[in-house]
C-alpha atoms as a PDB file:
ATOM      1  CA  MET A   1       2.953  74.155 100.313  1.00  0.00           C
ATOM      2  CA  GLN A   2       3.815  77.525  99.418  1.00  0.00           C
ATOM      3  CA  VAL A   3       1.086  78.555  97.251  1.00  0.00           C
ATOM      4  CA  GLU A   4       1.790  81.477  94.684  1.00  0.00           C
ATOM      5  CA  ARG A   5      -1.878  82.781  93.850  1.00  0.00           C
ATOM      6  CA  THR A   6      -1.311  83.391  90.135  1.00  0.00           C
ATOM      7  CA  ARG A   7       0.223  80.200  89.141  1.00  0.00           C
ATOM      8  CA  LEU A   8      -1.412  77.032  87.791  1.00  0.00           C
ATOM      9  CA  TYR A   9      -0.400  73.543  89.828  1.00  0.00           C
ATOM     10  CA  ARG A  10      -0.954  70.195  88.291  1.00  0.00           C
ATOM     11  CA  VAL A  11      -3.436  67.433  89.673  1.00  0.00           C
ATOM     12  CA  LYS A  12      -0.643  65.611  90.896  1.00  0.00           C
ATOM     13  CA  THR A  13       1.167  68.483  92.452  1.00  0.00           C
ATOM     14  CA  VAL A  14      -1.432  69.506  94.728  1.00  0.00           C
ATOM     15  CA  ALA A  15      -2.258  66.021  95.450  1.00  0.00           C
ATOM     16  CA  GLU A  16       1.477  64.919  96.629  1.00  0.00           C
ATOM     17  CA  SER A  17       1.763  68.292  98.699  1.00  0.00           C
ATOM     18  CA  PHE A  18      -1.312  67.315 100.386  1.00  0.00           C
ATOM     19  CA  ASP A  19      -0.492  63.320 100.566  1.00  0.00           C
ATOM     20  CA  VAL A  20      -3.675  62.593  99.365  1.00  0.00           C
ATOM     21  CA  SER A  21      -4.547  60.554  96.040  1.00  0.00           C
ATOM     22  CA  VAL A  22      -4.944  62.236  92.537  1.00  0.00           C
ATOM     23  CA  ALA A  23      -8.660  60.619  92.762  1.00  0.00           C
ATOM     24  CA  THR A  24      -9.271  62.924  95.851  1.00  0.00           C
ATOM     25  CA  ILE A  25      -8.159  65.790  93.855  1.00  0.00           C
ATOM     26  CA  TYR A  26     -10.391  65.096  90.888  1.00  0.00           C
ATOM     27  CA  ARG A  27     -13.354  64.317  93.192  1.00  0.00           C
ATOM     28  CA  ALA A  28     -12.819  67.817  94.970  1.00  0.00           C
ATOM     29  CA  VAL A  29     -13.000  69.038  91.418  1.00  0.00           C
ATOM     30  CA  GLU A  30     -15.938  67.389  90.111  1.00  0.00           C
ATOM     31  CA  SER A  31     -17.833  68.138  93.197  1.00  0.00           C
ATOM     32  CA  GLY A  32     -17.339  71.924  92.814  1.00  0.00           C
ATOM     33  CA  ALA A  33     -15.373  72.204  96.031  1.00  0.00           C
ATOM     34  CA  LEU A  34     -11.757  72.884  94.208  1.00  0.00           C
ATOM     35  CA  ARG A  35     -11.952  74.968  90.857  1.00  0.00           C
ATOM     36  CA  ALA A  36      -9.825  73.971  88.149  1.00  0.00           C
ATOM     37  CA  ILE A  37      -9.009  74.871  84.757  1.00  0.00           C
ATOM     38  CA  ARG A  38      -9.338  72.629  81.480  1.00  0.00           C
ATOM     39  CA  LEU A  39      -6.823  73.372  79.078  1.00  0.00           C
ATOM     40  CA  GLY A  40      -7.085  71.827  75.629  1.00  0.00           C
ATOM     41  CA  THR A  41      -9.947  69.946  74.102  1.00  0.00           C
ATOM     42  CA  GLY A  42     -11.057  66.680  74.678  1.00  0.00           C
ATOM     43  CA  LYS A  43     -10.100  65.397  78.258  1.00  0.00           C
ATOM     44  CA  GLY A  44      -7.511  68.494  78.274  1.00  0.00           C
ATOM     45  CA  ALA A  45      -5.187  68.888  80.799  1.00  0.00           C
ATOM     46  CA  VAL A  46      -6.580  69.949  84.401  1.00  0.00           C
ATOM     47  CA  ARG A  47      -4.966  72.735  86.102  1.00  0.00           C
ATOM     48  CA  ILE A  48      -5.759  74.175  89.426  1.00  0.00           C
ATOM     49  CA  PRO A  49      -5.191  77.520  90.212  1.00  0.00           C
ATOM     50  CA  GLY A  50      -3.436  78.909  93.378  1.00  0.00           C
ATOM     51  CA  ALA A  51      -6.084  81.326  94.384  1.00  0.00           C
ATOM     52  CA  ALA A  52      -8.409  78.108  94.142  1.00  0.00           C
ATOM     53  CA  ILE A  53      -5.904  75.874  96.331  1.00  0.00           C
ATOM     54  CA  GLU A  54      -5.842  78.502  99.147  1.00  0.00           C
ATOM     55  CA  ASN A  55      -9.589  79.081  99.231  1.00  0.00           C
ATOM     56  CA  TYR A  56      -9.785  75.290  99.111  1.00  0.00           C
ATOM     57  CA  LEU A  57      -7.643  75.186 102.391  1.00  0.00           C
ATOM     58  CA  ALA A  58      -9.818  77.290 104.226  1.00  0.00           C
ATOM     59  CA  ALA A  59     -12.980  75.739 103.585  1.00  0.00           C
ATOM     60  CA  CYS A  60     -11.102  72.531 104.608  1.00  0.00           C
ATOM     61  CA  GLU A  61     -10.048  74.155 107.746  1.00  0.00           C
ATOM     62  CA  SER A  62     -13.278  75.529 108.346  1.00  0.00           C
ATOM     63  CA  ALA A  63     -15.017  72.398 108.248  1.00  0.00           C
ATOM     64  CA  ALA A  64     -12.603  70.644 110.405  1.00  0.00           C
ATOM     65  CA  ALA A  65     -13.012  73.327 113.034  1.00  0.00           C
ATOM     66  CA  THR A  66     -16.848  73.196 113.003  1.00  0.00           C
ATOM     67  CA  ARG A  67     -16.884  69.293 113.294  1.00  0.00           C
ATOM     68  CA  GLY A  68     -14.172  69.394 116.015  1.00  0.00           C
ATOM     69  CA  VAL A  69     -11.494  67.323 114.002  1.00  0.00           C
ATOM     70  CA  GLY A  70      -8.780  66.466 116.410  1.00  0.00           C
ATOM     71  CA  ASP A  71     -11.064  66.451 119.562  1.00  0.00           C
ATOM     72  CA  ALA A  72     -10.490  62.956 120.803  1.00  0.00           C
ATOM     73  CA  SER A  73     -13.221  63.444 123.642  1.00  0.00           C
ATOM     74  CA  ASP A  74     -15.540  61.021 122.191  1.00  0.00           C
ATOM     75  CA  PRO A  75     -13.800  57.560 122.166  1.00  0.00           C
ATOM     76  CA  ALA A  76     -16.545  56.113 119.434  1.00  0.00           C
ATOM     77  CA  GLU A  77     -15.889  59.056 117.264  1.00  0.00           C
ATOM     78  CA  PHE A  78     -12.387  58.663 117.419  1.00  0.00           C
ATOM     79  CA  ALA A  79     -12.823  54.896 116.554  1.00  0.00           C
ATOM     80  CA  THR A  80     -14.909  55.582 113.485  1.00  0.00           C
ATOM     81  CA  GLY A  81     -12.874  58.233 112.204  1.00  0.00           C
ATOM     82  CA  GLY A  82     -15.604  60.382 112.695  1.00  0.00           C
ATOM     83  CA  ALA A  83     -18.145  58.285 110.767  1.00  0.00           C
ATOM     84  CA  ALA A  84     -20.116  57.366 113.873  1.00  0.00           C
END
């Protein structure tokens, strides 16, 4: 996904570009891992700034590197998806 730092993105657009569910993006927003802006009153519309997407991706990449994701040297960890 080519991200423009100053653009606001819809949750659905971000989810599709990451190939995850919309619920996954909302969970990241609710947990504070992904910054979002709520427009309007009531439920409003949620938009995610391009800069927040870049920061979130960097944090995910850092976490993956720390956990050693992609390292299948431990078959037990690979079989359980890292949740041994």
